[in-house]
Amino acid sequence: MSVEYHVKLIQDGNTQTLSIPQEIALSTSEVIIRQEEGKLIIEPYQKRSLLEVLATLEDSEEDINVNDEDLLPLDEIEI
């Protein structure tokens, strides 16, 4: 069973703010907020790696013509 809290919204110009009770406070300073079926959903923001982002992209059927003839040669890189 979930616990519910009654909190007041503070209107500041075009922005609304709410205080999250300590009992359900998130351990992050950034969140994702969205509206679903008239409800606000607040979730901790989790930065995704480049591989996770790329995995969400759809495959492209477009042929990409790579022509590097006009590019300068790469310098020798020593590691």
N, C-alpha and C. Protein backbone atom coordinates (compact mmCIF):
# COMPACT_ATOMS: atom_id res chain seq x y z
N MET A 1 0.84 -1.18 0.00
CA MET A 1 0.00 0.00 0.00
C MET A 1 0.88 1.25 0.00
N SER A 2 0.58 2.21 -0.84
CA SER A 2 1.35 3.44 -0.91
C SER A 2 0.83 4.46 0.09
N VAL A 3 1.73 5.36 0.51
CA VAL A 3 1.37 6.41 1.45
C VAL A 3 1.11 7.68 0.66
N GLU A 4 0.08 8.41 1.03
CA GLU A 4 -0.26 9.66 0.36
C GLU A 4 0.02 10.83 1.28
N TYR A 5 0.42 11.95 0.70
CA TYR A 5 0.68 13.18 1.45
C TYR A 5 -0.09 14.31 0.81
N HIS A 6 -0.67 15.17 1.61
CA HIS A 6 -1.36 16.36 1.12
C HIS A 6 -0.37 17.51 1.24
N VAL A 7 0.05 18.08 0.11
CA VAL A 7 1.00 19.21 0.12
C VAL A 7 0.39 20.36 -0.66
N LYS A 8 0.84 21.56 -0.35
CA LYS A 8 0.34 22.75 -1.03
C LYS A 8 1.30 23.15 -2.15
N LEU A 9 0.73 23.62 -3.24
CA LEU A 9 1.52 24.16 -4.34
C LEU A 9 1.71 25.64 -4.10
N ILE A 10 2.92 26.12 -4.37
CA ILE A 10 3.25 27.53 -4.25
C ILE A 10 3.35 28.11 -5.65
N GLN A 11 2.55 29.11 -5.94
CA GLN A 11 2.55 29.75 -7.26
C GLN A 11 3.55 30.91 -7.24
N ASP A 12 4.50 30.89 -8.19
CA ASP A 12 5.49 31.97 -8.31
C ASP A 12 5.54 32.36 -9.79
N GLY A 13 4.74 33.34 -10.17
CA GLY A 13 4.64 33.71 -11.57
C GLY A 13 4.00 32.58 -12.35
N ASN A 14 4.70 32.10 -13.38
CA ASN A 14 4.19 31.00 -14.20
C ASN A 14 4.66 29.63 -13.70
N THR A 15 5.32 29.60 -12.55
CA THR A 15 5.90 28.36 -12.03
C THR A 15 5.20 27.93 -10.75
N GLN A 16 5.00 26.64 -10.60
CA GLN A 16 4.47 26.08 -9.36
C GLN A 16 5.57 25.26 -8.69
N THR A 17 5.62 25.35 -7.37
CA THR A 17 6.61 24.62 -6.59
C THR A 17 5.88 23.82 -5.52
N LEU A 18 6.41 22.64 -5.19
CA LEU A 18 5.85 21.88 -4.09
C LEU A 18 6.98 21.37 -3.22
N SER A 19 6.71 21.21 -1.95
CA SER A 19 7.69 20.64 -1.02
C SER A 19 7.43 19.15 -0.89
N ILE A 20 8.46 18.36 -1.08
CA ILE A 20 8.34 16.90 -0.97
C ILE A 20 8.66 16.52 0.48
N PRO A 21 7.76 15.84 1.16
CA PRO A 21 8.02 15.45 2.55
C PRO A 21 9.29 14.60 2.66
N GLN A 22 10.02 14.77 3.75
CA GLN A 22 11.29 14.08 3.97
C GLN A 22 11.15 12.56 3.84
N GLU A 23 10.02 12.02 4.25
CA GLU A 23 9.82 10.56 4.22
C GLU A 23 9.88 9.99 2.80
N ILE A 24 9.58 10.82 1.81
CA ILE A 24 9.61 10.33 0.43
C ILE A 24 10.56 11.14 -0.45
N ALA A 25 11.46 11.90 0.19
CA ALA A 25 12.41 12.73 -0.55
C ALA A 25 13.30 11.88 -1.45
N LEU A 26 13.62 12.42 -2.60
CA LEU A 26 14.49 11.73 -3.55
C LEU A 26 15.94 12.05 -3.25
N SER A 27 16.82 11.12 -3.54
CA SER A 27 18.24 11.31 -3.26
C SER A 27 18.97 11.85 -4.49
N THR A 28 18.36 12.83 -5.14
CA THR A 28 18.95 13.42 -6.33
C THR A 28 18.53 14.88 -6.40
N SER A 29 19.26 15.66 -7.19
CA SER A 29 18.89 17.07 -7.35
C SER A 29 18.20 17.33 -8.70
N GLU A 30 18.09 16.30 -9.54
CA GLU A 30 17.43 16.44 -10.84
C GLU A 30 16.38 15.35 -10.99
N VAL A 31 15.24 15.72 -11.57
CA VAL A 31 14.16 14.77 -11.79
C VAL A 31 13.60 14.94 -13.19
N ILE A 32 12.89 13.93 -13.63
CA ILE A 32 12.09 13.98 -14.85
C ILE A 32 10.65 14.10 -14.40
N ILE A 33 9.91 15.05 -14.98
CA ILE A 33 8.51 15.22 -14.62
C ILE A 33 7.69 15.15 -15.91
N ARG A 34 6.59 14.41 -15.86
CA ARG A 34 5.72 14.29 -17.02
C ARG A 34 4.29 14.15 -16.54
N GLN A 35 3.37 14.37 -17.46
CA GLN A 35 1.96 14.25 -17.14
C GLN A 35 1.40 13.05 -17.89
N GLU A 36 0.73 12.17 -17.15
CA GLU A 36 0.09 10.98 -17.73
C GLU A 36 -1.33 10.89 -17.18
N GLU A 37 -2.29 10.89 -18.07
CA GLU A 37 -3.70 10.72 -17.70
C GLU A 37 -4.10 11.65 -16.56
N GLY A 38 -3.67 12.91 -16.64
CA GLY A 38 -4.05 13.90 -15.63
C GLY A 38 -3.25 13.85 -14.35
N LYS A 39 -2.25 12.97 -14.26
CA LYS A 39 -1.41 12.85 -13.06
C LYS A 39 0.00 13.31 -13.38
N LEU A 40 0.65 13.92 -12.39
CA LEU A 40 2.06 14.28 -12.55
C LEU A 40 2.91 13.13 -12.04
N ILE A 41 3.87 12.73 -12.83
CA ILE A 41 4.79 11.66 -12.47
C ILE A 41 6.17 12.29 -12.31
N ILE A 42 6.80 12.09 -11.15
CA ILE A 42 8.13 12.63 -10.88
C ILE A 42 9.05 11.45 -10.63
N GLU A 43 10.14 11.36 -11.41
CA GLU A 43 11.09 10.27 -11.28
C GLU A 43 12.51 10.84 -11.20
N PRO A 44 13.40 10.17 -10.48
CA PRO A 44 14.79 10.62 -10.45
C PRO A 44 15.38 10.61 -11.86
N TYR A 45 16.16 11.63 -12.17
CA TYR A 45 16.82 11.68 -13.47
C TYR A 45 18.05 10.80 -13.43
N GLN A 46 18.17 9.92 -14.41
CA GLN A 46 19.33 9.04 -14.51
C GLN A 46 19.99 9.29 -15.85
N LYS A 47 21.19 9.83 -15.80
CA LYS A 47 21.93 10.11 -17.03
C LYS A 47 22.25 8.79 -17.72
N ARG A 48 21.94 8.73 -19.02
CA ARG A 48 22.19 7.51 -19.78
C ARG A 48 23.51 7.61 -20.52
N SER A 49 24.14 6.47 -20.70
CA SER A 49 25.39 6.44 -21.46
C SER A 49 25.09 6.62 -22.94
N LEU A 50 26.11 6.95 -23.70
CA LEU A 50 25.94 7.10 -25.15
C LEU A 50 25.42 5.81 -25.77
N LEU A 51 25.90 4.66 -25.32
CA LEU A 51 25.43 3.39 -25.87
C LEU A 51 23.95 3.17 -25.60
N GLU A 52 23.47 3.57 -24.42
CA GLU A 52 22.05 3.44 -24.11
C GLU A 52 21.21 4.35 -25.00
N VAL A 53 21.69 5.55 -25.26
CA VAL A 53 20.98 6.48 -26.14
C VAL A 53 20.96 5.94 -27.56
N LEU A 54 22.10 5.49 -28.05
CA LEU A 54 22.18 4.97 -29.42
C LEU A 54 21.29 3.74 -29.60
N ALA A 55 21.15 2.93 -28.56
CA ALA A 55 20.33 1.73 -28.64
C ALA A 55 18.85 2.05 -28.86
N THR A 56 18.44 3.27 -28.52
CA THR A 56 17.04 3.65 -28.70
C THR A 56 16.74 4.16 -30.11
N LEU A 57 17.76 4.41 -30.90
CA LEU A 57 17.57 4.94 -32.25
C LEU A 57 17.13 3.84 -33.21
N GLU A 58 16.28 4.20 -34.14
CA GLU A 58 15.85 3.24 -35.16
C GLU A 58 16.91 3.15 -36.25
N ASP A 59 16.97 1.98 -36.90
CA ASP A 59 17.90 1.79 -38.00
C ASP A 59 17.51 2.69 -39.16
N SER A 60 18.51 3.18 -39.87
CA SER A 60 18.27 4.04 -41.02
C SER A 60 18.49 3.25 -42.30
N GLU A 61 17.59 3.43 -43.24
CA GLU A 61 17.71 2.77 -44.54
C GLU A 61 18.50 3.64 -45.52
N GLU A 62 18.85 4.85 -45.11
CA GLU A 62 19.53 5.80 -45.98
C GLU A 62 21.00 5.41 -46.16
N ASP A 63 21.45 5.42 -47.42
CA ASP A 63 22.85 5.18 -47.70
C ASP A 63 23.64 6.44 -47.38
N ILE A 64 24.71 6.28 -46.65
CA ILE A 64 25.57 7.42 -46.31
C ILE A 64 26.83 7.30 -47.14
N ASN A 65 27.04 8.28 -48.00
CA ASN A 65 28.21 8.29 -48.87
C ASN A 65 29.36 8.97 -48.13
N VAL A 66 30.36 8.20 -47.77
CA VAL A 66 31.51 8.74 -47.05
C VAL A 66 32.62 8.98 -48.06
N ASN A 67 32.94 10.25 -48.25
CA ASN A 67 34.00 10.61 -49.18
C ASN A 67 35.02 11.45 -48.43
N ASP A 68 36.16 10.85 -48.16
CA ASP A 68 37.17 11.57 -47.39
C ASP A 68 38.35 12.03 -48.24
N GLU A 69 38.18 12.05 -49.56
CA GLU A 69 39.27 12.44 -50.44
C GLU A 69 39.70 13.89 -50.24
N ASP A 70 38.77 14.76 -49.86
CA ASP A 70 39.10 16.18 -49.69
C ASP A 70 39.60 16.51 -48.29
N LEU A 71 39.68 15.52 -47.41
CA LEU A 71 40.12 15.77 -46.04
C LEU A 71 41.63 15.66 -45.92
N LEU A 72 42.18 16.44 -45.00
CA LEU A 72 43.61 16.35 -44.73
C LEU A 72 43.89 15.04 -44.01
N PRO A 73 45.11 14.49 -44.19
CA PRO A 73 45.44 13.23 -43.50
C PRO A 73 45.53 13.46 -41.99
N LEU A 74 45.22 12.42 -41.23
CA LEU A 74 45.35 12.50 -39.78
C LEU A 74 46.81 12.52 -39.39
N ASP A 75 47.11 13.25 -38.35
CA ASP A 75 48.47 13.25 -37.82
C ASP A 75 48.74 11.93 -37.11
N GLU A 76 50.02 11.58 -37.07
CA GLU A 76 50.41 10.40 -36.31
C GLU A 76 50.16 10.70 -34.84
N ILE A 77 49.47 9.82 -34.16
CA ILE A 77 49.15 10.01 -32.74
C ILE A 77 49.92 8.97 -31.94
N GLU A 78 50.69 9.46 -30.97
CA GLU A 78 51.41 8.56 -30.08
C GLU A 78 50.69 8.50 -28.76
N ILE A 79 50.48 7.29 -28.29
CA ILE A 79 49.79 7.12 -27.01
C ILE A 79 50.78 6.63 -25.98
